[in-house]
Amino acid sequence: MDKQTEIEAAVLRRFLKHLDDNKSVQNIDLMNLAGFCRNCLSKWYLAEAEDRGVDIDYDAAREYVYGEPYNDWKEKYQPAATAEQLADFNAKFSK
């Protein structure tokens, strides 16, 4: 692995750790502010794995990003979105 790839891999691991350390940052807030969330990262991970011939499914990709099965994470850390969060999301992404 070349240095650039090592750096990029380390940055991804650091980013995932940062998200893990800040579970109070909700996916809908990430979507509303940045246009992506943990689920988007999971989909990107899945797509890149598939492009490289790695057999993985969406649940395994989400477990990699979330650090545990998604349904477990969701039950522990993801409250229902507020009306304001949903209105913001719908205004930005319902087009």
C-alpha atoms as a PDB file:
ATOM      1  CA  MET A   1       0.000   0.000   0.000  1.00  0.00           C
ATOM      2  CA  ASP A   2       1.395   3.400  -0.926  1.00  0.00           C
ATOM      3  CA  LYS A   3       1.575   6.301   1.531  1.00  0.00           C
ATOM      4  CA  GLN A   4      -1.388   8.142  -0.023  1.00  0.00           C
ATOM      5  CA  THR A   5      -3.618   5.089   0.386  1.00  0.00           C
ATOM      6  CA  GLU A   6      -2.361   4.570   3.958  1.00  0.00           C
ATOM      7  CA  ILE A   7      -3.197   8.181   4.789  1.00  0.00           C
ATOM      8  CA  GLU A   8      -6.642   7.940   3.212  1.00  0.00           C
ATOM      9  CA  ALA A   9      -7.381   4.708   5.110  1.00  0.00           C
ATOM     10  CA  ALA A  10      -6.230   6.299   8.382  1.00  0.00           C
ATOM     11  CA  VAL A  11      -8.426   9.345   7.747  1.00  0.00           C
ATOM     12  CA  LEU A  12     -11.469   7.118   7.165  1.00  0.00           C
ATOM     13  CA  ARG A  13     -10.795   5.197  10.382  1.00  0.00           C
ATOM     14  CA  ARG A  14     -10.384   8.478  12.265  1.00  0.00           C
ATOM     15  CA  PHE A  15     -13.585   9.871  10.743  1.00  0.00           C
ATOM     16  CA  LEU A  16     -15.553   6.744  11.686  1.00  0.00           C
ATOM     17  CA  LYS A  17     -14.150   6.917  15.226  1.00  0.00           C
ATOM     18  CA  HIS A  18     -15.178  10.572  15.427  1.00  0.00           C
ATOM     19  CA  LEU A  19     -18.724   9.650  14.393  1.00  0.00           C
ATOM     20  CA  ASP A  20     -18.710   6.795  16.897  1.00  0.00           C
ATOM     21  CA  ASP A  21     -17.508   9.123  19.654  1.00  0.00           C
ATOM     22  CA  ASN A  22     -20.307  11.565  18.777  1.00  0.00           C
ATOM     23  CA  LYS A  23     -23.368   9.348  18.573  1.00  0.00           C
ATOM     24  CA  SER A  24     -25.551  12.286  19.598  1.00  0.00           C
ATOM     25  CA  VAL A  25     -25.012  13.692  16.108  1.00  0.00           C
ATOM     26  CA  GLN A  26     -28.024  12.241  14.364  1.00  0.00           C
ATOM     27  CA  ASN A  27     -28.072  11.039  10.774  1.00  0.00           C
ATOM     28  CA  ILE A  28     -30.838  13.457   9.874  1.00  0.00           C
ATOM     29  CA  ASP A  29     -28.728  16.349  11.206  1.00  0.00           C
ATOM     30  CA  LEU A  30     -25.778  15.172   9.109  1.00  0.00           C
ATOM     31  CA  MET A  31     -28.053  14.978   6.057  1.00  0.00           C
ATOM     32  CA  ASN A  32     -29.542  18.396   6.696  1.00  0.00           C
ATOM     33  CA  LEU A  33     -26.170  20.053   7.246  1.00  0.00           C
ATOM     34  CA  ALA A  34     -23.803  18.136   4.984  1.00  0.00           C
ATOM     35  CA  GLY A  35     -25.938  16.135   2.561  1.00  0.00           C
ATOM     36  CA  PHE A  36     -24.676  12.740   3.738  1.00  0.00           C
ATOM     37  CA  CYS A  37     -24.966  10.499   6.779  1.00  0.00           C
ATOM     38  CA  ARG A  38     -23.687   7.216   8.174  1.00  0.00           C
ATOM     39  CA  ASN A  39     -25.999   5.314   5.834  1.00  0.00           C
ATOM     40  CA  CYS A  40     -24.518   7.166   2.860  1.00  0.00           C
ATOM     41  CA  LEU A  41     -21.044   6.173   4.037  1.00  0.00           C
ATOM     42  CA  SER A  42     -22.257   2.578   4.241  1.00  0.00           C
ATOM     43  CA  LYS A  43     -23.558   2.739   0.663  1.00  0.00           C
ATOM     44  CA  TRP A  44     -20.273   4.250  -0.556  1.00  0.00           C
ATOM     45  CA  TYR A  45     -18.335   1.515   1.259  1.00  0.00           C
ATOM     46  CA  LEU A  46     -20.552  -1.148  -0.317  1.00  0.00           C
ATOM     47  CA  ALA A  47     -20.152   0.334  -3.812  1.00  0.00           C
ATOM     48  CA  GLU A  48     -16.359   0.563  -3.534  1.00  0.00           C
ATOM     49  CA  ALA A  49     -16.145  -3.001  -2.190  1.00  0.00           C
ATOM     50  CA  GLU A  50     -18.295  -4.294  -5.051  1.00  0.00           C
ATOM     51  CA  ASP A  51     -16.190  -2.358  -7.603  1.00  0.00           C
ATOM     52  CA  ARG A  52     -13.182  -4.265  -6.280  1.00  0.00           C
ATOM     53  CA  GLY A  53     -14.874  -7.658  -6.406  1.00  0.00           C
ATOM     54  CA  VAL A  54     -15.421  -7.927  -2.643  1.00  0.00           C
ATOM     55  CA  ASP A  55     -18.617  -9.789  -1.785  1.00  0.00           C
ATOM     56  CA  ILE A  56     -20.357  -7.753   0.908  1.00  0.00           C
ATOM     57  CA  ASP A  57     -23.947  -6.815   1.617  1.00  0.00           C
ATOM     58  CA  TYR A  58     -25.471  -3.571   2.855  1.00  0.00           C
ATOM     59  CA  ASP A  59     -25.931  -4.863   6.412  1.00  0.00           C
ATOM     60  CA  ALA A  60     -22.226  -5.757   6.639  1.00  0.00           C
ATOM     61  CA  ALA A  61     -21.261  -2.345   5.240  1.00  0.00           C
ATOM     62  CA  ARG A  62     -23.472  -0.611   7.799  1.00  0.00           C
ATOM     63  CA  GLU A  63     -22.005  -2.706  10.599  1.00  0.00           C
ATOM     64  CA  TYR A  64     -18.544  -1.554   9.498  1.00  0.00           C
ATOM     65  CA  VAL A  65     -19.590   2.104   9.583  1.00  0.00           C
ATOM     66  CA  TYR A  66     -21.708   1.931  12.751  1.00  0.00           C
ATOM     67  CA  GLY A  67     -19.385  -0.418  14.636  1.00  0.00           C
ATOM     68  CA  GLU A  68     -22.287  -2.750  15.443  1.00  0.00           C
ATOM     69  CA  PRO A  69     -25.437  -4.015  13.710  1.00  0.00           C
ATOM     70  CA  TYR A  70     -27.448  -1.049  12.480  1.00  0.00           C
ATOM     71  CA  ASN A  71     -30.669  -2.030  14.240  1.00  0.00           C
ATOM     72  CA  ASP A  72     -28.821  -2.261  17.572  1.00  0.00           C
ATOM     73  CA  TRP A  73     -27.210   1.163  17.027  1.00  0.00           C
ATOM     74  CA  LYS A  74     -30.510   2.692  15.948  1.00  0.00           C
ATOM     75  CA  GLU A  75     -32.325   1.353  19.011  1.00  0.00           C
ATOM     76  CA  LYS A  76     -29.659   2.682  21.396  1.00  0.00           C
ATOM     77  CA  TYR A  77     -28.770   6.029  19.847  1.00  0.00           C
ATOM     78  CA  GLN A  78     -31.300   7.272  17.307  1.00  0.00           C
ATOM     79  CA  PRO A  79     -34.385   9.007  18.648  1.00  0.00           C
ATOM     80  CA  ALA A  80     -37.276   9.815  16.347  1.00  0.00           C
ATOM     81  CA  ALA A  81     -36.653  12.833  14.160  1.00  0.00           C
ATOM     82  CA  THR A  82     -38.351  16.033  15.249  1.00  0.00           C
ATOM     83  CA  ALA A  83     -40.914  17.800  13.093  1.00  0.00           C
ATOM     84  CA  GLU A  84     -38.353  20.548  12.462  1.00  0.00           C
ATOM     85  CA  GLN A  85     -35.667  18.055  11.360  1.00  0.00           C
ATOM     86  CA  LEU A  86     -38.106  16.334   9.026  1.00  0.00           C
ATOM     87  CA  ALA A  87     -39.333  19.619   7.557  1.00  0.00           C
ATOM     88  CA  ASP A  88     -35.747  20.705   6.910  1.00  0.00           C
ATOM     89  CA  PHE A  89     -34.935  17.327   5.336  1.00  0.00           C
ATOM     90  CA  ASN A  90     -38.039  17.368   3.130  1.00  0.00           C
ATOM     91  CA  ALA A  91     -37.356  20.935   2.006  1.00  0.00           C
ATOM     92  CA  LYS A  92     -33.828  19.970   0.929  1.00  0.00           C
ATOM     93  CA  PHE A  93     -34.298  16.491  -0.486  1.00  0.00           C
ATOM     94  CA  SER A  94     -37.887  16.057  -1.687  1.00  0.00           C
ATOM     95  CA  LYS A  95     -37.103  17.532  -5.097  1.00  0.00           C
END
